[in-house]
C-alpha atoms as a PDB file:
ATOM      1  CA  MET A   1       7.128   0.818  -9.060  1.00  0.00           C
ATOM      2  CA  THR A   2       6.732  -1.984  -6.160  1.00  0.00           C
ATOM      3  CA  TYR A   3       4.667  -5.127  -6.761  1.00  0.00           C
ATOM      4  CA  TYR A   4       3.214  -7.226  -4.050  1.00  0.00           C
ATOM      5  CA  ILE A   5       3.027 -10.702  -4.428  1.00  0.00           C
ATOM      6  CA  THR A   6       0.892 -12.689  -1.984  1.00  0.00           C
ATOM      7  CA  PRO A   7       2.828 -15.570  -0.675  1.00  0.00           C
ATOM      8  CA  HIS A   8       0.799 -18.830   0.116  1.00  0.00           C
ATOM      9  CA  ARG A   9      -0.008 -19.212   3.754  1.00  0.00           C
ATOM     10  CA  HIS A  10       1.942 -22.130   4.141  1.00  0.00           C
ATOM     11  CA  MET A  11       4.886 -20.631   2.322  1.00  0.00           C
ATOM     12  CA  HIS A  12       8.227 -20.760   4.015  1.00  0.00           C
ATOM     13  CA  ASN A  13       8.895 -17.139   5.344  1.00  0.00           C
ATOM     14  CA  ARG A  14      12.611 -17.179   3.474  1.00  0.00           C
ATOM     15  CA  MET A  15      10.911 -17.890   0.039  1.00  0.00           C
ATOM     16  CA  ALA A  16       8.420 -15.510   0.510  1.00  0.00           C
ATOM     17  CA  GLN A  17      11.196 -13.024   0.916  1.00  0.00           C
ATOM     18  CA  ARG A  18      13.000 -13.945  -2.007  1.00  0.00           C
ATOM     19  CA  MET A  19       9.970 -13.825  -3.751  1.00  0.00           C
ATOM     20  CA  MET A  20       9.205 -10.058  -2.766  1.00  0.00           C
ATOM     21  CA  SER A  21      12.744  -8.762  -3.095  1.00  0.00           C
ATOM     22  CA  TYR A  22      12.526 -10.090  -6.643  1.00  0.00           C
ATOM     23  CA  ALA A  23       9.078  -8.516  -7.421  1.00  0.00           C
ATOM     24  CA  ASN A  24      10.323  -4.985  -5.757  1.00  0.00           C
ATOM     25  CA  GLU A  25      11.060  -2.187  -8.252  1.00  0.00           C
ATOM     26  CA  PHE A  26      11.341   0.991  -6.346  1.00  0.00           C
ATOM     27  CA  GLU A  27       9.583   3.950  -8.229  1.00  0.00           C
ATOM     28  CA  SER A  28      11.942   6.991  -7.953  1.00  0.00           C
ATOM     29  CA  THR A  29      10.856   9.355  -5.352  1.00  0.00           C
ATOM     30  CA  ARG A  30      12.322  13.170  -5.015  1.00  0.00           C
ATOM     31  CA  ASP A  31      12.785  13.274  -1.307  1.00  0.00           C
ATOM     32  CA  TYR A  32      11.059  10.558   0.629  1.00  0.00           C
ATOM     33  CA  GLN A  33      10.241   7.040   0.265  1.00  0.00           C
ATOM     34  CA  LEU A  34       6.985   5.981   1.769  1.00  0.00           C
ATOM     35  CA  SER A  35       6.992   2.584   3.433  1.00  0.00           C
ATOM     36  CA  LEU A  36       4.038   0.420   3.354  1.00  0.00           C
ATOM     37  CA  ASN A  37       2.714  -2.757   5.250  1.00  0.00           C
ATOM     38  CA  VAL A  38       0.303  -4.680   3.319  1.00  0.00           C
ATOM     39  CA  GLN A  39      -2.335  -6.931   4.463  1.00  0.00           C
ATOM     40  CA  GLY A  40      -4.833  -9.276   2.571  1.00  0.00           C
ATOM     41  CA  ASN A  41      -7.787 -11.543   3.419  1.00  0.00           C
ATOM     42  CA  ASP A  42     -10.535 -12.830   0.838  1.00  0.00           C
ATOM     43  CA  ASP A  43     -12.381  -9.581   0.579  1.00  0.00           C
ATOM     44  CA  GLU A  44      -9.741  -6.785   0.826  1.00  0.00           C
ATOM     45  CA  PHE A  45      -6.181  -5.435   0.961  1.00  0.00           C
ATOM     46  CA  ILE A  46      -5.201  -3.055   3.654  1.00  0.00           C
ATOM     47  CA  LEU A  47      -2.501  -0.792   3.220  1.00  0.00           C
ATOM     48  CA  SER A  48      -0.899   0.997   6.372  1.00  0.00           C
ATOM     49  CA  ALA A  49       1.685   3.719   6.380  1.00  0.00           C
ATOM     50  CA  LEU A  50       3.431   6.074   8.802  1.00  0.00           C
ATOM     51  CA  VAL A  51       2.700   9.455   7.767  1.00  0.00           C
ATOM     52  CA  PRO A  52       3.501  11.815  10.748  1.00  0.00           C
ATOM     53  CA  GLY A  53       2.232  15.228  11.065  1.00  0.00           C
ATOM     54  CA  MET A  54       0.173  14.974   7.589  1.00  0.00           C
ATOM     55  CA  LYS A  55      -3.202  15.748   7.399  1.00  0.00           C
ATOM     56  CA  ALA A  56      -5.773  14.200   4.802  1.00  0.00           C
ATOM     57  CA  GLU A  57      -5.517  16.851   2.538  1.00  0.00           C
ATOM     58  CA  ASP A  58      -1.947  16.643   2.074  1.00  0.00           C
ATOM     59  CA  LEU A  59      -2.362  13.128   0.614  1.00  0.00           C
ATOM     60  CA  ASN A  60      -3.764  12.171  -2.956  1.00  0.00           C
ATOM     61  CA  ILE A  61      -4.477   8.423  -3.474  1.00  0.00           C
ATOM     62  CA  GLN A  62      -5.523   6.895  -6.956  1.00  0.00           C
ATOM     63  CA  VAL A  63      -6.583   3.789  -8.002  1.00  0.00           C
ATOM     64  CA  LEU A  64      -6.657   2.308 -11.539  1.00  0.00           C
ATOM     65  CA  GLU A  65      -7.485  -1.664 -11.902  1.00  0.00           C
ATOM     66  CA  ASN A  66      -5.018  -3.089  -9.296  1.00  0.00           C
ATOM     67  CA  VAL A  67      -2.555  -0.106  -9.167  1.00  0.00           C
ATOM     68  CA  VAL A  68      -2.530   1.963  -5.948  1.00  0.00           C
ATOM     69  CA  THR A  69      -0.780   5.180  -6.124  1.00  0.00           C
ATOM     70  CA  ILE A  70      -0.368   7.628  -2.972  1.00  0.00           C
ATOM     71  CA  THR A  71       1.462  11.329  -3.579  1.00  0.00           C
ATOM     72  CA  GLY A  72       1.855  13.536  -0.796  1.00  0.00           C
ATOM     73  CA  GLU A  73       4.150  16.095   0.478  1.00  0.00           C
ATOM     74  CA  TYR A  74       5.792  17.022   3.687  1.00  0.00           C
ATOM     75  CA  LYS A  75       6.273  21.148   3.808  1.00  0.00           C
ATOM     76  CA  GLU A  76       9.547  21.986   4.929  1.00  0.00           C
ATOM     77  CA  ASN A  77      10.061  23.903   7.938  1.00  0.00           C
ATOM     78  CA  GLU A  78      12.117  27.085   7.732  1.00  0.00           C
ATOM     79  CA  GLY A  79      15.057  27.496  10.296  1.00  0.00           C
ATOM     80  CA  GLU A  80      18.272  26.106  10.940  1.00  0.00           C
ATOM     81  CA  TYR A  81      18.723  22.733  12.466  1.00  0.00           C
ATOM     82  CA  LEU A  82      21.608  21.008  14.701  1.00  0.00           C
ATOM     83  CA  MET A  83      19.962  17.712  13.278  1.00  0.00           C
ATOM     84  CA  GLN A  84      17.283  17.158  10.834  1.00  0.00           C
ATOM     85  CA  GLU A  85      16.053  13.557  10.270  1.00  0.00           C
ATOM     86  CA  LEU A  86      12.027  14.173   9.738  1.00  0.00           C
ATOM     87  CA  PRO A  87      10.780  13.439   6.607  1.00  0.00           C
ATOM     88  CA  GLN A  88      10.484  16.691   4.276  1.00  0.00           C
ATOM     89  CA  GLY A  89       9.653  17.327   0.605  1.00  0.00           C
ATOM     90  CA  THR A  90       7.599  15.131  -2.123  1.00  0.00           C
ATOM     91  CA  PHE A  91       6.847  11.373  -2.041  1.00  0.00           C
ATOM     92  CA  ARG A  92       5.277   9.059  -4.442  1.00  0.00           C
ATOM     93  CA  ARG A  93       4.530   5.604  -4.126  1.00  0.00           C
ATOM     94  CA  SER A  94       2.787   3.047  -6.567  1.00  0.00           C
ATOM     95  CA  LEU A  95       1.707  -0.495  -5.551  1.00  0.00           C
ATOM     96  CA  ARG A  96       0.562  -3.502  -8.031  1.00  0.00           C
ATOM     97  CA  LEU A  97      -1.866  -5.379  -6.315  1.00  0.00           C
ATOM     98  CA  PRO A  98      -2.123  -9.051  -7.193  1.00  0.00           C
ATOM     99  CA  THR A  99      -5.984  -8.600  -8.089  1.00  0.00           C
ATOM    100  CA  ALA A 100      -8.447  -5.934  -9.368  1.00  0.00           C
ATOM    101  CA  VAL A 101      -9.935  -3.736  -6.449  1.00  0.00           C
ATOM    102  CA  ASN A 102     -13.162  -1.850  -6.380  1.00  0.00           C
ATOM    103  CA  ALA A 103     -12.290   1.924  -6.492  1.00  0.00           C
ATOM    104  CA  GLU A 104     -15.914   2.931  -5.722  1.00  0.00           C
ATOM    105  CA  LYS A 105     -15.626   1.635  -2.049  1.00  0.00           C
ATOM    106  CA  VAL A 106     -11.972   2.093  -1.290  1.00  0.00           C
ATOM    107  CA  ASP A 107     -11.734   3.835   2.016  1.00  0.00           C
ATOM    108  CA  ALA A 108      -8.798   5.660   3.527  1.00  0.00           C
ATOM    109  CA  LYS A 109      -8.256   7.379   6.946  1.00  0.00           C
ATOM    110  CA  ILE A 110      -5.734   8.865   9.157  1.00  0.00           C
ATOM    111  CA  VAL A 111      -5.385   8.379  12.819  1.00  0.00           C
ATOM    112  CA  ASN A 112      -2.503   9.183  14.903  1.00  0.00           C
ATOM    113  CA  GLY A 113      -0.091   9.562  12.190  1.00  0.00           C
ATOM    114  CA  ILE A 114      -1.104   6.159  10.487  1.00  0.00           C
ATOM    115  CA  LEU A 115      -2.697   6.236   7.112  1.00  0.00           C
ATOM    116  CA  THR A 116      -5.010   2.740   6.660  1.00  0.00           C
ATOM    117  CA  VAL A 117      -6.482   2.073   2.727  1.00  0.00           C
ATOM    118  CA  LYS A 118      -8.937  -0.490   2.822  1.00  0.00           C
ATOM    119  CA  LEU A 119      -8.992  -1.845  -0.880  1.00  0.00           C
ATOM    120  CA  PRO A 120     -12.375  -4.176  -1.321  1.00  0.00           C
ATOM    121  CA  LYS A 121     -11.468  -6.816  -3.729  1.00  0.00           C
ATOM    122  CA  VAL A 122     -13.897  -6.992  -6.834  1.00  0.00           C
ATOM    123  CA  GLU A 123     -16.248  -9.672  -6.780  1.00  0.00           C
ATOM    124  CA  SER A 124     -14.560 -11.720  -9.783  1.00  0.00           C
ATOM    125  CA  ALA A 125     -11.309 -11.831  -7.424  1.00  0.00           C
ATOM    126  CA  LYS A 126     -13.041 -13.108  -4.486  1.00  0.00           C
ATOM    127  CA  PRO A 127     -12.491 -16.912  -3.786  1.00  0.00           C
ATOM    128  CA  ARG A 128     -15.624 -19.241  -4.109  1.00  0.00           C
ATOM    129  CA  THR A 129     -16.293 -22.366  -2.536  1.00  0.00           C
ATOM    130  CA  ILE A 130     -17.827 -24.911  -4.865  1.00  0.00           C
ATOM    131  CA  LYS A 131     -19.616 -27.871  -3.258  1.00  0.00           C
ATOM    132  CA  VAL A 132     -18.941 -31.232  -4.700  1.00  0.00           C
ATOM    133  CA  GLU A 133     -21.728 -33.588  -5.259  1.00  0.00           C
ATOM    134  CA  ALA A 134     -21.208 -37.299  -4.876  1.00  0.00           C
ATOM    135  CA  LYS A 135     -23.022 -39.587  -6.700  1.00  0.00           C
END
């Protein structure tokens, strides 16, 4: 399972990379490891992955609290190849986000071979600004 840690915006990049490598544990896959980009802001997390040739019905996305799991399968092409580097077989990738997300409002789409999953944070996880009064 891969864990995602949101480094502080002002944190040195090298320190953030060390934190990420320390927290990464790769879930075993059968044939293909799905690579992800993760962005986060105050309202949501955005996952992006390259899924060339896949259709929406080839993917399954599940969200439970703050864990997102993406599974899918690249169909094997028949025939002989001189060289074969395109992905094939099944894959499963789970990612633990730092805060819970609202599973009812998750939005996923594939455009030009790029899967984009928008995961809105639950209201309690969003930062609030509290005004301090001076007396």
